[in-house]
């Protein structure tokens, strides 16, 4: 998605709408969490 020009916020919206479980036992994906997962 990043390669297609999507921002972290747009990616997070898609993940949350599809019910993809977030990392670290949280309830919803956040842009900060997505950036951390991407950089790791």
PDB file of N, CA and C in Angstrom:
ATOM      1  N   UNK A   1       0.817  -1.187   0.000  1.00  0.00           N
ATOM      2  CA  UNK A   1       0.000   0.000   0.000  1.00  0.00           C
ATOM      3  C   UNK A   1       0.866   1.257   0.000  1.00  0.00           C
ATOM      4  N   UNK A   2       1.974   1.209   0.718  1.00  0.00           N
ATOM      5  CA  UNK A   2       2.866   2.367   0.713  1.00  0.00           C
ATOM      6  C   UNK A   2       3.408   2.620  -0.686  1.00  0.00           C
ATOM      7  N   UNK A   3       3.696   1.548  -1.408  1.00  0.00           N
ATOM      8  CA  UNK A   3       4.206   1.693  -2.766  1.00  0.00           C
ATOM      9  C   UNK A   3       3.178   2.336  -3.694  1.00  0.00           C
ATOM     10  N   UNK A   4       1.906   2.206  -3.350  1.00  0.00           N
ATOM     11  CA  UNK A   4       0.841   2.815  -4.145  1.00  0.00           C
ATOM     12  C   UNK A   4       0.530   4.231  -3.707  1.00  0.00           C
ATOM     13  N   UNK A   5       1.323   4.768  -2.762  1.00  0.00           N
ATOM     14  CA  UNK A   5       1.151   6.148  -2.337  1.00  0.00           C
ATOM     15  C   UNK A   5       0.193   6.353  -1.177  1.00  0.00           C
ATOM     16  N   UNK A   6      -0.210   5.269  -0.524  1.00  0.00           N
ATOM     17  CA  UNK A   6      -1.123   5.384   0.623  1.00  0.00           C
ATOM     18  C   UNK A   6      -0.344   5.850   1.840  1.00  0.00           C
ATOM     19  N   UNK A   7      -0.966   6.666   2.674  1.00  0.00           N
ATOM     20  CA  UNK A   7      -0.339   7.106   3.923  1.00  0.00           C
ATOM     21  C   UNK A   7      -0.584   6.050   4.995  1.00  0.00           C
ATOM     22  N   UNK A   8       0.145   6.171   6.098  1.00  0.00           N
ATOM     23  CA  UNK A   8      -0.069   5.245   7.216  1.00  0.00           C
ATOM     24  C   UNK A   8      -1.503   5.349   7.729  1.00  0.00           C
ATOM     25  N   UNK A   9      -2.052   6.539   7.765  1.00  0.00           N
ATOM     26  CA  UNK A   9      -3.431   6.730   8.241  1.00  0.00           C
ATOM     27  C   UNK A   9      -4.413   5.996   7.333  1.00  0.00           C
ATOM     28  N   UNK A  10      -4.220   6.084   6.030  1.00  0.00           N
ATOM     29  CA  UNK A  10      -5.108   5.387   5.095  1.00  0.00           C
ATOM     30  C   UNK A  10      -4.987   3.873   5.245  1.00  0.00           C
ATOM     31  N   UNK A  11      -3.779   3.388   5.434  1.00  0.00           N
ATOM     32  CA  UNK A  11      -3.563   1.950   5.620  1.00  0.00           C
ATOM     33  C   UNK A  11      -4.224   1.470   6.903  1.00  0.00           C
ATOM     34  N   UNK A  12      -4.069   2.255   7.976  1.00  0.00           N
ATOM     35  CA  UNK A  12      -4.670   1.914   9.267  1.00  0.00           C
ATOM     36  C   UNK A  12      -6.194   1.863   9.147  1.00  0.00           C
ATOM     37  N   UNK A  13      -6.786   2.789   8.425  1.00  0.00           N
ATOM     38  CA  UNK A  13      -8.240   2.786   8.230  1.00  0.00           C
ATOM     39  C   UNK A  13      -8.693   1.497   7.552  1.00  0.00           C
ATOM     40  N   UNK A  14      -7.937   1.036   6.564  1.00  0.00           N
ATOM     41  CA  UNK A  14      -8.283  -0.202   5.865  1.00  0.00           C
ATOM     42  C   UNK A  14      -8.145  -1.399   6.809  1.00  0.00           C
ATOM     43  N   UNK A  15      -7.039  -1.461   7.545  1.00  0.00           N
ATOM     44  CA  UNK A  15      -6.830  -2.588   8.468  1.00  0.00           C
ATOM     45  C   UNK A  15      -7.925  -2.649   9.521  1.00  0.00           C
ATOM     46  N   UNK A  16      -8.269  -1.492  10.092  1.00  0.00           N
ATOM     47  CA  UNK A  16      -9.314  -1.465  11.114  1.00  0.00           C
ATOM     48  C   UNK A  16     -10.674  -1.830  10.533  1.00  0.00           C
ATOM     49  N   UNK A  17     -10.972  -1.382   9.322  1.00  0.00           N
ATOM     50  CA  UNK A  17     -12.278  -1.689   8.722  1.00  0.00           C
ATOM     51  C   UNK A  17     -12.406  -3.170   8.355  1.00  0.00           C
ATOM     52  N   UNK A  18     -11.270  -3.825   8.058  1.00  0.00           N
ATOM     53  CA  UNK A  18     -11.291  -5.253   7.721  1.00  0.00           C
ATOM     54  C   UNK A  18     -11.168  -6.141   8.953  1.00  0.00           C
ATOM     55  N   UNK A  19     -10.980  -5.529  10.124  1.00  0.00           N
ATOM     56  CA  UNK A  19     -10.901  -6.309  11.351  1.00  0.00           C
ATOM     57  C   UNK A  19      -9.588  -7.033  11.551  1.00  0.00           C
ATOM     58  N   UNK A  20      -8.521  -6.533  10.917  1.00  0.00           N
ATOM     59  CA  UNK A  20      -7.205  -7.153  11.084  1.00  0.00           C
ATOM     60  C   UNK A  20      -6.731  -6.883  12.511  1.00  0.00           C
ATOM     61  N   UNK A  21      -6.397  -7.926  13.267  1.00  0.00           N
ATOM     62  CA  UNK A  21      -5.972  -7.707  14.650  1.00  0.00           C
ATOM     63  C   UNK A  21      -4.655  -6.944  14.701  1.00  0.00           C
ATOM     64  N   UNK A  22      -4.598  -5.918  15.518  1.00  0.00           N
ATOM     65  CA  UNK A  22      -3.367  -5.129  15.612  1.00  0.00           C
ATOM     66  C   UNK A  22      -2.307  -5.836  16.441  1.00  0.00           C
ATOM     67  N   UNK A  23      -1.104  -5.374  16.278  1.00  0.00           N
ATOM     68  CA  UNK A  23       0.013  -5.909  17.046  1.00  0.00           C
ATOM     69  C   UNK A  23      -0.083  -5.460  18.496  1.00  0.00           C
ATOM     70  N   UNK A  24       0.593  -6.160  19.359  1.00  0.00           N
ATOM     71  CA  UNK A  24       0.769  -5.773  20.756  1.00  0.00           C
ATOM     72  C   UNK A  24      -0.526  -5.770  21.559  1.00  0.00           C
ATOM     73  N   UNK A  25      -1.532  -6.546  21.183  1.00  0.00           N
ATOM     74  CA  UNK A  25      -2.737  -6.690  21.983  1.00  0.00           C
ATOM     75  C   UNK A  25      -3.610  -5.446  22.092  1.00  0.00           C
ATOM     76  N   UNK A  26      -3.497  -4.533  21.188  1.00  0.00           N
ATOM     77  CA  UNK A  26      -4.322  -3.318  21.215  1.00  0.00           C
ATOM     78  C   UNK A  26      -5.670  -3.601  20.562  1.00  0.00           C
ATOM     79  N   UNK A  27      -6.594  -2.643  20.684  1.00  0.00           N
ATOM     80  CA  UNK A  27      -7.922  -2.814  20.102  1.00  0.00           C
ATOM     81  C   UNK A  27      -7.981  -2.395  18.635  1.00  0.00           C
ATOM     82  N   UNK A  28      -7.224  -1.369  18.291  1.00  0.00           N
ATOM     83  CA  UNK A  28      -7.253  -0.842  16.921  1.00  0.00           C
ATOM     84  C   UNK A  28      -5.840  -0.450  16.497  1.00  0.00           C
ATOM     85  N   UNK A  29      -5.613  -0.479  15.194  1.00  0.00           N
ATOM     86  CA  UNK A  29      -4.361   0.011  14.646  1.00  0.00           C
ATOM     87  C   UNK A  29      -4.326   1.530  14.761  1.00  0.00           C
ATOM     88  N   UNK A  30      -3.138   2.081  14.971  1.00  0.00           N
ATOM     89  CA  UNK A  30      -2.917   3.518  14.930  1.00  0.00           C
ATOM     90  C   UNK A  30      -1.793   3.786  13.925  1.00  0.00           C
ATOM     91  N   UNK A  31      -1.699   5.028  13.458  1.00  0.00           N
ATOM     92  CA  UNK A  31      -0.641   5.376  12.516  1.00  0.00           C
ATOM     93  C   UNK A  31       0.728   5.187  13.152  1.00  0.00           C
ATOM     94  N   UNK A  32       0.866   5.544  14.431  1.00  0.00           N
ATOM     95  CA  UNK A  32       2.146   5.380  15.127  1.00  0.00           C
ATOM     96  C   UNK A  32       2.536   3.907  15.213  1.00  0.00           C
ATOM     97  N   UNK A  33       1.571   3.045  15.498  1.00  0.00           N
ATOM     98  CA  UNK A  33       1.830   1.613  15.574  1.00  0.00           C
ATOM     99  C   UNK A  33       2.239   1.071  14.202  1.00  0.00           C
ATOM    100  N   UNK A  34       1.598   1.567  13.159  1.00  0.00           N
ATOM    101  CA  UNK A  34       1.915   1.131  11.797  1.00  0.00           C
ATOM    102  C   UNK A  34       3.335   1.560  11.421  1.00  0.00           C
ATOM    103  N   UNK A  35       3.705   2.800  11.757  1.00  0.00           N
ATOM    104  CA  UNK A  35       5.065   3.268  11.471  1.00  0.00           C
ATOM    105  C   UNK A  35       6.097   2.408  12.192  1.00  0.00           C
ATOM    106  N   UNK A  36       5.830   2.088  13.451  1.00  0.00           N
ATOM    107  CA  UNK A  36       6.755   1.267  14.230  1.00  0.00           C
ATOM    108  C   UNK A  36       6.886  -0.130  13.607  1.00  0.00           C
ATOM    109  N   UNK A  37       5.786  -0.726  13.200  1.00  0.00           N
ATOM    110  CA  UNK A  37       5.825  -2.053  12.572  1.00  0.00           C
ATOM    111  C   UNK A  37       6.550  -2.007  11.246  1.00  0.00           C
ATOM    112  N   UNK A  38       6.400  -0.926  10.507  1.00  0.00           N
ATOM    113  CA  UNK A  38       7.044  -0.793   9.199  1.00  0.00           C
ATOM    114  C   UNK A  38       8.553  -0.638   9.340  1.00  0.00           C
ATOM    115  N   UNK A  39       8.997   0.132  10.317  1.00  0.00           N
ATOM    116  CA  UNK A  39      10.410   0.405  10.508  1.00  0.00           C
ATOM    117  C   UNK A  39      11.131  -0.799  11.113  1.00  0.00           C
ATOM    118  N   UNK A  40      10.428  -1.593  11.886  1.00  0.00           N
ATOM    119  CA  UNK A  40      11.051  -2.744  12.571  1.00  0.00           C
ATOM    120  C   UNK A  40      11.516  -3.786  11.608  1.00  0.00           C
TER     121      UNK A  40
END
